[in-house]
Amino acid sequence: MAKSDKIEIQERVTTVAMDMILKFGLKGLNMVELARECGLAKATLYKIIGSKEDLIREIALEIFKVNIVAVLDPIMRQDDPVIATNQFLDNYFNYAIESQKILIDQIYKEYPLIEKDVETNYDEMIVNIHHRFVSWQNSKLIRSDIEVDYFLESLEALNEFYIRSDYSKEEIIRRLRAVFITAFRGIGIPL
């Protein structure tokens, strides 16, 4: 098997497995069904993915990349904090809630070491977000009297609290939208 074929098959397996998890939850990821969906023998599937935990780690990192990184992208790309924040909020509430619930409520509970892998990637990204907010402060686009670290930590804490809650997805979105808008207004971004 050519290296490009193996990469293509690995990507297909990851995509199909991620779709299964998003539709049916972590418990719905059946390796026999995954092999069948991908047109592979179960033994071939394991040769490609390694272990089930390796596959789950790959899926968790992919969920992180597709959802969390993409959601925060406007903050990194937009110079105007109002435009960046509005785009962030639209992306966040449209895409990131469900995937975070799967990561936190299912994957991290079953595979706690995977959480550390994802957090390492998240911590690297937050450094860049921090720099962006500081640049906005230096440009006098947001209040200069706030501590950016504390602001970002408070958003993370609010996010985690509501994602881990038993509220419905709609209620989580409603509550997070209200507190995030209040927080962003508090640092001087008129929303």
N, C-alpha and C. Protein backbone atom coordinates (compact mmCIF):
# COMPACT_ATOMS: atom_id res chain seq x y z
N MET A 1 0.85 -1.18 0.00
CA MET A 1 0.00 0.00 0.00
C MET A 1 0.89 1.24 0.00
N ALA A 2 0.62 2.14 -0.92
CA ALA A 2 1.39 3.38 -1.01
C ALA A 2 1.10 4.26 0.20
N LYS A 3 2.09 5.09 0.55
CA LYS A 3 1.94 5.96 1.72
C LYS A 3 0.75 6.89 1.56
N SER A 4 0.53 7.42 0.36
CA SER A 4 -0.60 8.32 0.14
C SER A 4 -1.93 7.60 0.31
N ASP A 5 -1.97 6.31 -0.09
CA ASP A 5 -3.19 5.52 0.11
C ASP A 5 -3.47 5.32 1.60
N LYS A 6 -2.42 5.03 2.36
CA LYS A 6 -2.59 4.80 3.79
C LYS A 6 -3.08 6.08 4.48
N ILE A 7 -2.53 7.22 4.09
CA ILE A 7 -2.96 8.50 4.68
C ILE A 7 -4.42 8.76 4.33
N GLU A 8 -4.79 8.50 3.09
CA GLU A 8 -6.17 8.69 2.67
C GLU A 8 -7.12 7.79 3.45
N ILE A 9 -6.72 6.54 3.65
CA ILE A 9 -7.55 5.61 4.43
C ILE A 9 -7.63 6.05 5.88
N GLN A 10 -6.51 6.50 6.46
CA GLN A 10 -6.52 6.99 7.85
C GLN A 10 -7.47 8.17 7.99
N GLU A 11 -7.42 9.08 7.04
CA GLU A 11 -8.32 10.24 7.08
C GLU A 11 -9.77 9.81 6.98
N ARG A 12 -10.05 8.85 6.12
CA ARG A 12 -11.43 8.34 5.97
C ARG A 12 -11.90 7.69 7.26
N VAL A 13 -11.05 6.87 7.86
CA VAL A 13 -11.41 6.20 9.11
C VAL A 13 -11.69 7.24 10.19
N THR A 14 -10.83 8.25 10.30
CA THR A 14 -11.02 9.29 11.31
C THR A 14 -12.32 10.04 11.07
N THR A 15 -12.60 10.38 9.83
CA THR A 15 -13.82 11.11 9.49
C THR A 15 -15.06 10.29 9.81
N VAL A 16 -15.06 9.02 9.41
CA VAL A 16 -16.22 8.16 9.66
C VAL A 16 -16.40 7.95 11.17
N ALA A 17 -15.29 7.72 11.88
CA ALA A 17 -15.36 7.52 13.33
C ALA A 17 -15.87 8.78 14.02
N MET A 18 -15.39 9.94 13.59
CA MET A 18 -15.84 11.19 14.20
C MET A 18 -17.33 11.39 13.95
N ASP A 19 -17.79 11.10 12.74
CA ASP A 19 -19.22 11.20 12.44
C ASP A 19 -20.03 10.27 13.34
N MET A 20 -19.53 9.06 13.56
CA MET A 20 -20.22 8.11 14.44
C MET A 20 -20.33 8.67 15.86
N ILE A 21 -19.23 9.24 16.34
CA ILE A 21 -19.24 9.78 17.70
C ILE A 21 -20.18 10.98 17.79
N LEU A 22 -20.14 11.86 16.80
CA LEU A 22 -21.01 13.03 16.83
C LEU A 22 -22.48 12.65 16.75
N LYS A 23 -22.80 11.57 16.03
CA LYS A 23 -24.19 11.13 15.91
C LYS A 23 -24.66 10.29 17.08
N PHE A 24 -23.79 9.37 17.54
CA PHE A 24 -24.23 8.37 18.52
C PHE A 24 -23.49 8.44 19.85
N GLY A 25 -22.54 9.36 19.97
CA GLY A 25 -21.76 9.44 21.20
C GLY A 25 -20.60 8.45 21.17
N LEU A 26 -19.74 8.55 22.17
CA LEU A 26 -18.56 7.69 22.24
C LEU A 26 -18.94 6.22 22.31
N LYS A 27 -19.99 5.92 23.04
CA LYS A 27 -20.43 4.51 23.16
C LYS A 27 -20.91 3.95 21.82
N GLY A 28 -21.29 4.85 20.90
CA GLY A 28 -21.76 4.42 19.59
C GLY A 28 -20.65 4.12 18.61
N LEU A 29 -19.39 4.30 19.02
CA LEU A 29 -18.27 3.99 18.16
C LEU A 29 -17.96 2.50 18.27
N ASN A 30 -18.46 1.75 17.32
CA ASN A 30 -18.27 0.30 17.28
C ASN A 30 -17.20 0.01 16.22
N MET A 31 -16.13 -0.66 16.63
CA MET A 31 -15.00 -0.87 15.73
C MET A 31 -15.36 -1.80 14.56
N VAL A 32 -16.22 -2.78 14.80
CA VAL A 32 -16.66 -3.66 13.71
C VAL A 32 -17.46 -2.86 12.69
N GLU A 33 -18.36 -2.03 13.18
CA GLU A 33 -19.17 -1.19 12.29
C GLU A 33 -18.29 -0.17 11.57
N LEU A 34 -17.31 0.38 12.26
CA LEU A 34 -16.39 1.34 11.65
C LEU A 34 -15.62 0.67 10.51
N ALA A 35 -15.10 -0.53 10.76
CA ALA A 35 -14.37 -1.25 9.71
C ALA A 35 -15.28 -1.49 8.51
N ARG A 36 -16.51 -1.92 8.77
CA ARG A 36 -17.46 -2.19 7.68
C ARG A 36 -17.74 -0.92 6.89
N GLU A 37 -18.00 0.20 7.60
CA GLU A 37 -18.29 1.48 6.94
C GLU A 37 -17.13 1.95 6.07
N CYS A 38 -15.92 1.60 6.48
CA CYS A 38 -14.72 2.03 5.74
C CYS A 38 -14.27 1.00 4.70
N GLY A 39 -14.98 -0.13 4.63
CA GLY A 39 -14.63 -1.17 3.67
C GLY A 39 -13.34 -1.89 4.02
N LEU A 40 -13.10 -2.08 5.31
CA LEU A 40 -11.88 -2.71 5.78
C LEU A 40 -12.20 -3.91 6.66
N ALA A 41 -11.26 -4.84 6.72
CA ALA A 41 -11.35 -5.91 7.72
C ALA A 41 -10.96 -5.29 9.07
N LYS A 42 -11.50 -5.87 10.15
CA LYS A 42 -11.21 -5.32 11.48
C LYS A 42 -9.71 -5.31 11.76
N ALA A 43 -9.01 -6.39 11.37
CA ALA A 43 -7.56 -6.46 11.60
C ALA A 43 -6.84 -5.35 10.82
N THR A 44 -7.29 -5.08 9.61
CA THR A 44 -6.69 -4.01 8.80
C THR A 44 -6.95 -2.66 9.46
N LEU A 45 -8.15 -2.49 9.98
CA LEU A 45 -8.49 -1.24 10.66
C LEU A 45 -7.50 -0.97 11.80
N TYR A 46 -7.24 -1.98 12.62
CA TYR A 46 -6.32 -1.79 13.74
C TYR A 46 -4.89 -1.55 13.29
N LYS A 47 -4.50 -2.13 12.15
CA LYS A 47 -3.16 -1.86 11.61
C LYS A 47 -3.04 -0.39 11.21
N ILE A 48 -4.14 0.17 10.75
CA ILE A 48 -4.13 1.56 10.29
C ILE A 48 -4.19 2.53 11.46
N ILE A 49 -5.04 2.24 12.44
CA ILE A 49 -5.27 3.21 13.52
C ILE A 49 -4.45 2.96 14.77
N GLY A 50 -3.89 1.78 14.92
CA GLY A 50 -3.24 1.42 16.18
C GLY A 50 -4.30 0.91 17.13
N SER A 51 -4.50 1.58 18.24
CA SER A 51 -5.52 1.17 19.20
C SER A 51 -6.76 2.06 19.08
N LYS A 52 -7.82 1.66 19.74
CA LYS A 52 -9.02 2.48 19.77
C LYS A 52 -8.71 3.81 20.45
N GLU A 53 -7.88 3.77 21.50
CA GLU A 53 -7.52 5.02 22.18
C GLU A 53 -6.74 5.95 21.25
N ASP A 54 -5.87 5.39 20.41
CA ASP A 54 -5.14 6.21 19.43
C ASP A 54 -6.13 6.91 18.49
N LEU A 55 -7.14 6.16 18.06
CA LEU A 55 -8.16 6.74 17.17
C LEU A 55 -8.95 7.83 17.90
N ILE A 56 -9.33 7.57 19.13
CA ILE A 56 -10.09 8.55 19.91
C ILE A 56 -9.25 9.81 20.12
N ARG A 57 -7.96 9.65 20.38
CA ARG A 57 -7.07 10.81 20.53
C ARG A 57 -7.04 11.63 19.24
N GLU A 58 -6.91 10.94 18.11
CA GLU A 58 -6.91 11.62 16.82
C GLU A 58 -8.23 12.36 16.59
N ILE A 59 -9.33 11.74 16.96
CA ILE A 59 -10.64 12.37 16.81
C ILE A 59 -10.77 13.58 17.73
N ALA A 60 -10.32 13.44 18.96
CA ALA A 60 -10.39 14.57 19.91
C ALA A 60 -9.59 15.75 19.40
N LEU A 61 -8.40 15.49 18.88
CA LEU A 61 -7.58 16.58 18.32
C LEU A 61 -8.23 17.17 17.07
N GLU A 62 -8.88 16.34 16.28
CA GLU A 62 -9.58 16.82 15.09
C GLU A 62 -10.80 17.67 15.48
N ILE A 63 -11.56 17.21 16.48
CA ILE A 63 -12.70 18.00 16.98
C ILE A 63 -12.19 19.35 17.48
N PHE A 64 -11.09 19.32 18.21
CA PHE A 64 -10.50 20.55 18.71
C PHE A 64 -10.13 21.47 17.55
N LYS A 65 -9.45 20.92 16.55
CA LYS A 65 -8.99 21.72 15.42
C LYS A 65 -10.17 22.28 14.62
N VAL A 66 -11.10 21.43 14.31
CA VAL A 66 -12.22 21.84 13.46
C VAL A 66 -13.14 22.82 14.18
N ASN A 67 -13.36 22.60 15.44
CA ASN A 67 -14.33 23.42 16.17
C ASN A 67 -13.70 24.56 16.96
N ILE A 68 -12.79 24.26 17.83
CA ILE A 68 -12.27 25.29 18.73
C ILE A 68 -11.32 26.24 18.01
N VAL A 69 -10.38 25.70 17.25
CA VAL A 69 -9.44 26.55 16.54
C VAL A 69 -10.19 27.42 15.53
N ALA A 70 -11.10 26.81 14.79
CA ALA A 70 -11.87 27.56 13.79
C ALA A 70 -12.73 28.65 14.44
N VAL A 71 -13.27 28.36 15.61
CA VAL A 71 -14.10 29.34 16.31
C VAL A 71 -13.27 30.54 16.75
N LEU A 72 -12.06 30.31 17.19
CA LEU A 72 -11.21 31.40 17.67
C LEU A 72 -10.47 32.13 16.54
N ASP A 73 -10.51 31.58 15.35
CA ASP A 73 -9.79 32.15 14.21
C ASP A 73 -10.12 33.64 13.95
N PRO A 74 -11.39 34.07 14.03
CA PRO A 74 -11.65 35.49 13.77
C PRO A 74 -10.89 36.43 14.71
N ILE A 75 -10.69 36.01 15.93
CA ILE A 75 -9.96 36.86 16.87
C ILE A 75 -8.51 37.04 16.40
N MET A 76 -7.95 36.00 15.79
CA MET A 76 -6.58 36.09 15.31
C MET A 76 -6.47 36.84 13.98
N ARG A 77 -7.51 36.80 13.18
CA ARG A 77 -7.42 37.37 11.83
C ARG A 77 -7.96 38.80 11.70
N GLN A 78 -8.90 39.16 12.55
CA GLN A 78 -9.54 40.47 12.44
C GLN A 78 -8.82 41.49 13.32
N ASP A 79 -8.55 42.65 12.76
CA ASP A 79 -7.93 43.71 13.55
C ASP A 79 -8.96 44.47 14.39
N ASP A 80 -10.19 44.49 13.94
CA ASP A 80 -11.26 45.20 14.64
C ASP A 80 -11.87 44.26 15.68
N PRO A 81 -11.76 44.59 16.98
CA PRO A 81 -12.29 43.70 18.01
C PRO A 81 -13.80 43.49 17.93
N VAL A 82 -14.55 44.46 17.44
CA VAL A 82 -16.01 44.29 17.33
C VAL A 82 -16.33 43.24 16.28
N ILE A 83 -15.72 43.35 15.11
CA ILE A 83 -15.95 42.36 14.05
C ILE A 83 -15.47 40.99 14.52
N ALA A 84 -14.27 40.94 15.10
CA ALA A 84 -13.70 39.67 15.56
C ALA A 84 -14.60 39.00 16.60
N THR A 85 -15.09 39.77 17.55
CA THR A 85 -15.92 39.22 18.61
C THR A 85 -17.26 38.73 18.06
N ASN A 86 -17.88 39.51 17.19
CA ASN A 86 -19.15 39.07 16.61
C ASN A 86 -18.98 37.79 15.80
N GLN A 87 -17.91 37.69 15.02
CA GLN A 87 -17.66 36.47 14.26
C GLN A 87 -17.37 35.30 15.19
N PHE A 88 -16.58 35.55 16.23
CA PHE A 88 -16.29 34.51 17.22
C PHE A 88 -17.59 33.99 17.84
N LEU A 89 -18.44 34.91 18.30
CA LEU A 89 -19.68 34.51 18.95
C LEU A 89 -20.59 33.72 18.00
N ASP A 90 -20.71 34.19 16.75
CA ASP A 90 -21.53 33.46 15.77
C ASP A 90 -20.99 32.05 15.56
N ASN A 91 -19.69 31.93 15.36
CA ASN A 91 -19.08 30.61 15.15
C ASN A 91 -19.25 29.73 16.39
N TYR A 92 -18.98 30.32 17.53
CA TYR A 92 -19.00 29.56 18.77
C TYR A 92 -20.38 28.94 19.03
N PHE A 93 -21.40 29.74 18.94
CA PHE A 93 -22.73 29.25 19.28
C PHE A 93 -23.33 28.38 18.18
N ASN A 94 -22.82 28.49 16.97
CA ASN A 94 -23.32 27.64 15.89
C ASN A 94 -22.62 26.29 15.82
N TYR A 95 -21.37 26.21 16.28
CA TYR A 95 -20.60 25.00 16.04
C TYR A 95 -19.97 24.34 17.26
N ALA A 96 -19.52 25.09 18.21
CA ALA A 96 -18.62 24.54 19.23
C ALA A 96 -19.27 23.88 20.43
N ILE A 97 -20.50 24.18 20.71
CA ILE A 97 -21.12 23.67 21.94
C ILE A 97 -21.19 22.14 21.93
N GLU A 98 -21.78 21.58 20.91
CA GLU A 98 -21.98 20.12 20.86
C GLU A 98 -20.65 19.37 20.88
N SER A 99 -19.69 19.85 20.14
CA SER A 99 -18.40 19.16 20.11
C SER A 99 -17.70 19.23 21.46
N GLN A 100 -17.81 20.35 22.15
CA GLN A 100 -17.21 20.44 23.49
C GLN A 100 -17.88 19.49 24.46
N LYS A 101 -19.19 19.36 24.36
CA LYS A 101 -19.90 18.43 25.24
C LYS A 101 -19.39 17.01 25.01
N ILE A 102 -19.16 16.64 23.77
CA ILE A 102 -18.64 15.30 23.48
C ILE A 102 -17.24 15.15 24.05
N LEU A 103 -16.39 16.16 23.83
CA LEU A 103 -15.04 16.09 24.38
C LEU A 103 -15.06 15.97 25.89
N ILE A 104 -15.78 16.87 26.56
CA ILE A 104 -15.75 16.93 28.02
C ILE A 104 -16.56 15.81 28.66
N ASP A 105 -17.79 15.61 28.21
CA ASP A 105 -18.68 14.66 28.87
C ASP A 105 -18.39 13.20 28.53
N GLN A 106 -17.79 12.95 27.38
CA GLN A 106 -17.58 11.57 26.97
C GLN A 106 -16.11 11.20 26.84
N ILE A 107 -15.41 11.85 25.94
CA ILE A 107 -14.04 11.44 25.64
C ILE A 107 -13.12 11.64 26.84
N TYR A 108 -13.16 12.82 27.48
CA TYR A 108 -12.27 13.07 28.60
C TYR A 108 -12.58 12.17 29.79
N LYS A 109 -13.83 11.86 30.00
CA LYS A 109 -14.19 10.97 31.12
C LYS A 109 -13.66 9.57 30.89
N GLU A 110 -13.75 9.09 29.66
CA GLU A 110 -13.31 7.73 29.33
C GLU A 110 -11.79 7.65 29.15
N TYR A 111 -11.21 8.70 28.62
CA TYR A 111 -9.77 8.72 28.30
C TYR A 111 -9.14 10.01 28.84
N PRO A 112 -8.87 10.08 30.15
CA PRO A 112 -8.38 11.33 30.75
C PRO A 112 -7.04 11.81 30.20
N LEU A 113 -6.20 10.93 29.71
CA LEU A 113 -4.92 11.37 29.16
C LEU A 113 -5.10 12.14 27.86
N ILE A 114 -6.17 11.87 27.14
CA ILE A 114 -6.44 12.60 25.90
C ILE A 114 -6.73 14.07 26.21
N GLU A 115 -7.37 14.32 27.34
CA GLU A 115 -7.64 15.71 27.73
C GLU A 115 -6.34 16.50 27.84
N LYS A 116 -5.30 15.88 28.37
CA LYS A 116 -4.01 16.56 28.50
C LYS A 116 -3.42 16.89 27.13
N ASP A 117 -3.58 15.97 26.17
CA ASP A 117 -3.08 16.23 24.81
C ASP A 117 -3.80 17.43 24.18
N VAL A 118 -5.12 17.46 24.33
CA VAL A 118 -5.89 18.56 23.76
C VAL A 118 -5.57 19.86 24.49
N GLU A 119 -5.44 19.80 25.80
CA GLU A 119 -5.13 21.01 26.58
C GLU A 119 -3.78 21.60 26.19
N THR A 120 -2.82 20.77 25.85
CA THR A 120 -1.52 21.27 25.40
C THR A 120 -1.69 22.11 24.15
N ASN A 121 -2.48 21.63 23.20
CA ASN A 121 -2.76 22.39 21.99
C ASN A 121 -3.54 23.67 22.31
N TYR A 122 -4.50 23.56 23.21
CA TYR A 122 -5.31 24.72 23.60
C TYR A 122 -4.44 25.78 24.27
N ASP A 123 -3.55 25.36 25.17
CA ASP A 123 -2.69 26.32 25.87
C ASP A 123 -1.81 27.09 24.89
N GLU A 124 -1.32 26.42 23.86
CA GLU A 124 -0.51 27.09 22.85
C GLU A 124 -1.34 28.14 22.10
N MET A 125 -2.58 27.80 21.81
CA MET A 125 -3.45 28.71 21.08
C MET A 125 -3.82 29.91 21.95
N ILE A 126 -4.06 29.69 23.23
CA ILE A 126 -4.45 30.77 24.14
C ILE A 126 -3.34 31.82 24.27
N VAL A 127 -2.10 31.40 24.15
CA VAL A 127 -1.00 32.37 24.18
C VAL A 127 -1.18 33.37 23.04
N ASN A 128 -1.53 32.88 21.85
CA ASN A 128 -1.75 33.77 20.70
C ASN A 128 -2.97 34.67 20.92
N ILE A 129 -4.03 34.11 21.50
CA ILE A 129 -5.23 34.91 21.78
C ILE A 129 -4.88 36.01 22.78
N HIS A 130 -4.10 35.66 23.79
CA HIS A 130 -3.66 36.64 24.78
C HIS A 130 -2.92 37.80 24.10
N HIS A 131 -2.00 37.46 23.22
CA HIS A 131 -1.23 38.50 22.51
C HIS A 131 -2.15 39.40 21.68
N ARG A 132 -3.19 38.81 21.10
CA ARG A 132 -4.12 39.61 20.29
C ARG A 132 -4.84 40.63 21.18
N PHE A 133 -5.32 40.19 22.35
CA PHE A 133 -6.02 41.11 23.25
C PHE A 133 -5.08 42.20 23.76
N VAL A 134 -3.84 41.85 24.04
CA VAL A 134 -2.87 42.85 24.47
C VAL A 134 -2.61 43.85 23.35
N SER A 135 -2.55 43.37 22.11
CA SER A 135 -2.35 44.31 20.99
C SER A 135 -3.55 45.24 20.86
N TRP A 136 -4.76 44.74 21.10
CA TRP A 136 -5.94 45.61 21.09
C TRP A 136 -5.85 46.65 22.21
N GLN A 137 -5.36 46.21 23.38
CA GLN A 137 -5.18 47.17 24.48
C GLN A 137 -4.17 48.24 24.09
N ASN A 138 -3.05 47.83 23.55
CA ASN A 138 -2.00 48.78 23.17
C ASN A 138 -2.49 49.75 22.10
N SER A 139 -3.42 49.32 21.27
CA SER A 139 -3.99 50.18 20.23
C SER A 139 -5.19 50.96 20.74
N LYS A 140 -5.48 50.82 22.03
CA LYS A 140 -6.61 51.51 22.67
C LYS A 140 -7.96 51.11 22.07
N LEU A 141 -8.06 49.87 21.60
CA LEU A 141 -9.32 49.36 21.05
C LEU A 141 -10.18 48.69 22.12
N ILE A 142 -9.53 48.30 23.23
CA ILE A 142 -10.26 47.79 24.40
C ILE A 142 -9.65 48.47 25.62
N ARG A 143 -10.32 48.33 26.74
CA ARG A 143 -9.86 48.98 27.97
C ARG A 143 -8.45 48.53 28.35
N SER A 144 -7.66 49.48 28.78
CA SER A 144 -6.28 49.17 29.16
C SER A 144 -6.15 48.75 30.62
N ASP A 145 -7.22 48.94 31.40
CA ASP A 145 -7.16 48.64 32.83
C ASP A 145 -7.60 47.22 33.17
N ILE A 146 -7.83 46.38 32.19
CA ILE A 146 -8.20 44.99 32.49
C ILE A 146 -6.97 44.10 32.40
N GLU A 147 -7.00 43.03 33.15
CA GLU A 147 -5.96 42.01 33.07
C GLU A 147 -6.43 40.97 32.05
N VAL A 148 -5.76 40.91 30.93
CA VAL A 148 -6.17 40.00 29.85
C VAL A 148 -6.20 38.56 30.34
N ASP A 149 -5.20 38.15 31.11
CA ASP A 149 -5.17 36.76 31.61
C ASP A 149 -6.43 36.44 32.41
N TYR A 150 -6.82 37.35 33.28
CA TYR A 150 -8.01 37.12 34.12
C TYR A 150 -9.28 37.07 33.26
N PHE A 151 -9.34 37.96 32.28
CA PHE A 151 -10.49 37.99 31.39
C PHE A 151 -10.62 36.64 30.65
N LEU A 152 -9.54 36.18 30.06
CA LEU A 152 -9.58 34.91 29.32
C LEU A 152 -9.88 33.73 30.25
N GLU A 153 -9.29 33.74 31.44
CA GLU A 153 -9.57 32.68 32.41
C GLU A 153 -11.04 32.67 32.81
N SER A 154 -11.63 33.86 32.95
CA SER A 154 -13.05 33.91 33.34
C SER A 154 -13.93 33.36 32.22
N LEU A 155 -13.60 33.67 30.96
CA LEU A 155 -14.37 33.10 29.84
C LEU A 155 -14.25 31.58 29.80
N GLU A 156 -13.04 31.09 30.02
CA GLU A 156 -12.82 29.64 30.05
C GLU A 156 -13.62 28.99 31.18
N ALA A 157 -13.62 29.60 32.35
CA ALA A 157 -14.34 29.04 33.49
C ALA A 157 -15.84 29.04 33.25
N LEU A 158 -16.36 30.13 32.71
CA LEU A 158 -17.79 30.19 32.39
C LEU A 158 -18.15 29.12 31.35
N ASN A 159 -17.33 29.02 30.33
CA ASN A 159 -17.56 28.04 29.29
C ASN A 159 -17.60 26.63 29.89
N GLU A 160 -16.60 26.29 30.66
CA GLU A 160 -16.54 24.94 31.22
C GLU A 160 -17.71 24.67 32.16
N PHE A 161 -18.06 25.66 32.97
CA PHE A 161 -19.18 25.48 33.89
C PHE A 161 -20.46 25.12 33.12
N TYR A 162 -20.77 25.89 32.09
CA TYR A 162 -22.01 25.66 31.36
C TYR A 162 -21.95 24.41 30.47
N ILE A 163 -20.79 24.12 29.89
CA ILE A 163 -20.67 22.91 29.07
C ILE A 163 -20.86 21.67 29.95
N ARG A 164 -20.36 21.71 31.17
CA ARG A 164 -20.49 20.55 32.07
C ARG A 164 -21.86 20.48 32.75
N SER A 165 -22.66 21.52 32.58
CA SER A 165 -23.97 21.56 33.25
C SER A 165 -24.95 20.60 32.58
N ASP A 166 -26.07 20.43 33.24
CA ASP A 166 -27.13 19.58 32.70
C ASP A 166 -28.16 20.36 31.89
N TYR A 167 -27.88 21.62 31.64
CA TYR A 167 -28.80 22.42 30.83
C TYR A 167 -28.88 21.87 29.41
N SER A 168 -29.99 22.14 28.76
CA SER A 168 -30.12 21.75 27.35
C SER A 168 -29.14 22.58 26.52
N LYS A 169 -28.85 22.12 25.33
CA LYS A 169 -27.95 22.85 24.44
C LYS A 169 -28.45 24.27 24.22
N GLU A 170 -29.74 24.43 24.03
CA GLU A 170 -30.32 25.75 23.81
C GLU A 170 -30.13 26.66 25.02
N GLU A 171 -30.31 26.10 26.21
CA GLU A 171 -30.15 26.88 27.43
C GLU A 171 -28.68 27.24 27.67
N ILE A 172 -27.78 26.31 27.36
CA ILE A 172 -26.35 26.60 27.47
C ILE A 172 -25.99 27.77 26.56
N ILE A 173 -26.46 27.72 25.33
CA ILE A 173 -26.19 28.79 24.38
C ILE A 173 -26.76 30.11 24.88
N ARG A 174 -28.00 30.09 25.37
CA ARG A 174 -28.63 31.31 25.86
C ARG A 174 -27.83 31.93 27.00
N ARG A 175 -27.45 31.10 27.95
CA ARG A 175 -26.72 31.60 29.11
C ARG A 175 -25.30 32.06 28.74
N LEU A 176 -24.60 31.26 27.93
CA LEU A 176 -23.25 31.66 27.54
C LEU A 176 -23.26 32.93 26.69
N ARG A 177 -24.23 33.03 25.80
CA ARG A 177 -24.32 34.25 24.98
C ARG A 177 -24.46 35.48 25.89
N ALA A 178 -25.33 35.38 26.88
CA ALA A 178 -25.56 36.52 27.79
C ALA A 178 -24.30 36.87 28.57
N VAL A 179 -23.62 35.88 29.13
CA VAL A 179 -22.44 36.20 29.95
C VAL A 179 -21.26 36.61 29.09
N PHE A 180 -21.10 36.01 27.92
CA PHE A 180 -19.99 36.41 27.04
C PHE A 180 -20.19 37.84 26.54
N ILE A 181 -21.39 38.18 26.12
CA ILE A 181 -21.65 39.54 25.65
C ILE A 181 -21.38 40.54 26.77
N THR A 182 -21.84 40.22 27.98
CA THR A 182 -21.58 41.10 29.13
C THR A 182 -20.08 41.26 29.36
N ALA A 183 -19.34 40.16 29.29
CA ALA A 183 -17.89 40.22 29.51
C ALA A 183 -17.20 41.05 28.44
N PHE A 184 -17.54 40.83 27.18
CA PHE A 184 -16.91 41.59 26.10
C PHE A 184 -17.26 43.08 26.18
N ARG A 185 -18.49 43.38 26.53
CA ARG A 185 -18.85 44.78 26.72
C ARG A 185 -18.05 45.39 27.86
N GLY A 186 -17.82 44.58 28.90
CA GLY A 186 -17.07 45.06 30.05
C GLY A 186 -15.64 45.45 29.75
N ILE A 187 -15.05 44.85 28.72
CA ILE A 187 -13.68 45.23 28.37
C ILE A 187 -13.64 46.31 27.28
N GLY A 188 -14.85 46.79 26.91
CA GLY A 188 -14.91 47.91 26.00
C GLY A 188 -15.22 47.58 24.55
N ILE A 189 -15.73 46.39 24.31
CA ILE A 189 -16.12 46.03 22.94
C ILE A 189 -17.63 46.23 22.84
N PRO A 190 -18.07 47.25 22.10
CA PRO A 190 -19.52 47.54 22.02
C PRO A 190 -20.24 46.55 21.11
N LEU A 191 -20.97 45.65 21.74
CA LEU A 191 -21.73 44.64 20.97
C LEU A 191 -23.20 44.98 20.99
